[in-house]
Protein backbone atom coordinates (compact mmCIF):
# COMPACT_ATOMS: atom_id res chain seq x y z
CA MET A 1 -11.30 25.51 -25.72
CA GLN A 2 -11.18 24.58 -29.39
CA ALA A 3 -13.35 21.49 -28.79
CA ALA A 4 -16.01 23.57 -27.02
CA LEU A 5 -16.03 26.19 -29.77
CA ALA A 6 -16.18 23.50 -32.47
CA ASP A 7 -19.15 21.93 -30.70
CA ILE A 8 -20.99 25.24 -30.48
CA VAL A 9 -20.29 26.06 -34.13
CA ALA A 10 -21.42 22.59 -35.25
CA GLU A 11 -24.64 22.95 -33.30
CA VAL A 12 -25.40 26.35 -34.82
CA LEU A 13 -24.60 25.13 -38.34
CA SER A 14 -26.59 21.91 -37.77
CA VAL A 15 -23.70 19.67 -38.79
CA ASP A 16 -22.31 16.61 -37.02
CA SER A 17 -18.90 18.09 -36.37
CA VAL A 18 -16.60 20.94 -37.30
CA GLY A 19 -12.86 20.62 -37.70
CA VAL A 20 -10.85 23.35 -36.02
CA HIS A 21 -9.29 24.38 -39.35
CA GLU A 22 -12.49 24.33 -41.41
CA ASP A 23 -13.70 27.63 -42.81
CA PHE A 24 -16.91 28.80 -41.12
CA PHE A 25 -18.27 30.21 -44.39
CA ALA A 26 -17.42 27.12 -46.42
CA LEU A 27 -19.50 25.12 -43.93
CA GLY A 28 -22.54 27.31 -44.64
CA GLY A 29 -21.97 30.02 -42.07
CA ASP A 30 -22.94 33.63 -42.60
CA SER A 31 -23.05 36.81 -40.51
CA VAL A 32 -26.41 35.92 -38.92
CA LEU A 33 -25.15 32.48 -37.89
CA ALA A 34 -21.92 34.04 -36.65
CA THR A 35 -24.01 36.26 -34.38
CA THR A 36 -25.79 33.15 -33.09
CA VAL A 37 -22.45 31.47 -32.40
CA ILE A 38 -21.26 34.53 -30.49
CA ALA A 39 -24.44 34.65 -28.39
CA ARG A 40 -23.96 31.01 -27.40
CA VAL A 41 -20.25 31.45 -26.74
CA ARG A 42 -20.99 34.47 -24.54
CA ASP A 43 -23.63 32.51 -22.66
CA TRP A 44 -21.96 29.10 -22.31
CA LEU A 45 -18.37 30.23 -21.81
CA GLU A 46 -19.18 33.52 -20.07
CA ILE A 47 -17.10 35.62 -22.43
CA ASP A 48 -18.54 39.12 -22.50
CA HIS A 49 -15.91 40.41 -24.92
CA ALA A 50 -16.60 37.95 -27.77
CA VAL A 51 -17.99 39.71 -30.84
CA ALA A 52 -19.08 38.54 -34.28
CA ALA A 53 -16.03 40.21 -35.83
CA ASP A 54 -13.85 37.70 -33.96
CA LEU A 55 -15.34 34.78 -35.87
CA LEU A 56 -15.81 36.67 -39.13
CA ALA A 57 -12.17 37.77 -39.17
CA THR A 58 -10.63 34.45 -38.18
CA ARG A 59 -13.07 32.14 -40.02
CA THR A 60 -11.85 29.01 -38.20
CA VAL A 61 -12.32 27.61 -34.71
CA VAL A 62 -8.56 27.60 -34.13
CA GLY A 63 -8.26 31.27 -35.06
CA PHE A 64 -11.35 32.22 -33.08
CA ALA A 65 -10.05 30.37 -29.99
CA GLU A 66 -6.64 32.01 -30.30
CA ARG A 67 -8.20 35.45 -30.51
CA LEU A 68 -10.36 34.85 -27.43
CA ASP A 69 -7.47 33.30 -25.49
CA ASN A 70 -5.24 36.27 -26.29
CA ARG A 71 -7.86 38.71 -25.09
CA GLU A 72 -8.35 36.76 -21.85
CA ALA A 73 -4.58 36.72 -21.30
CA GLN A 74 -4.49 40.50 -21.75
CA CYS A 75 -7.16 40.73 -19.04
CA GLY A 76 -4.95 38.68 -16.72
CA ARG A 77 -7.13 35.54 -16.87
CA PRO A 78 -5.20 33.14 -19.15
CA GLU A 79 -6.71 29.90 -17.77
CA ARG A 80 -10.33 30.97 -17.29
CA LEU A 81 -11.56 30.04 -20.77
CA ALA A 82 -10.02 26.58 -20.64
CA THR A 83 -11.86 25.93 -17.38
CA SER A 84 -15.16 27.27 -18.74
CA ALA A 85 -14.74 25.18 -21.90
CA ARG A 86 -14.16 21.99 -19.87
CA HIS A 87 -17.33 22.66 -17.88
CA TYR A 88 -19.27 23.29 -21.09
CA LEU A 89 -18.05 20.01 -22.62
CA ASP A 90 -18.95 18.10 -19.45
CA ILE A 91 -22.47 19.52 -19.48
CA ALA A 92 -22.89 19.06 -23.25
CA ALA A 93 -22.04 15.36 -22.87
CA MET A 94 -24.78 14.83 -20.28
CA THR A 95 -28.24 13.49 -21.11
CA ASP A 96 -31.30 15.60 -20.29
CA GLU A 97 -32.01 13.30 -17.36
CA GLU A 98 -28.49 13.76 -15.99
CA VAL A 99 -28.76 17.53 -16.28
CA LEU A 100 -32.10 17.53 -14.45
CA ALA A 101 -30.70 15.25 -11.73
CA GLU A 102 -27.85 17.73 -11.15
CA SER A 103 -30.26 20.67 -10.75
């Protein structure tokens, strides 16, 4: 889960990588970029309850992941995000040609 979130955050911030303990704002993030991260997280990981306040309050990937995991556990779906994150990472690692071949 943390790896998938770090990948999404890095993509939005246009940086090579993001450490799970790095501060989103120190990396150049702001509220507009946080909203972009949330939109991608909602889309890629199918998390309808993720909101910008989750990232703004936690500021790090590890805190953001923990907050989302806790909410999923409260909904009775503790493993769902880990599965969605693994699928995201598998797809993100594919080339455009591989993605098209799978379609």
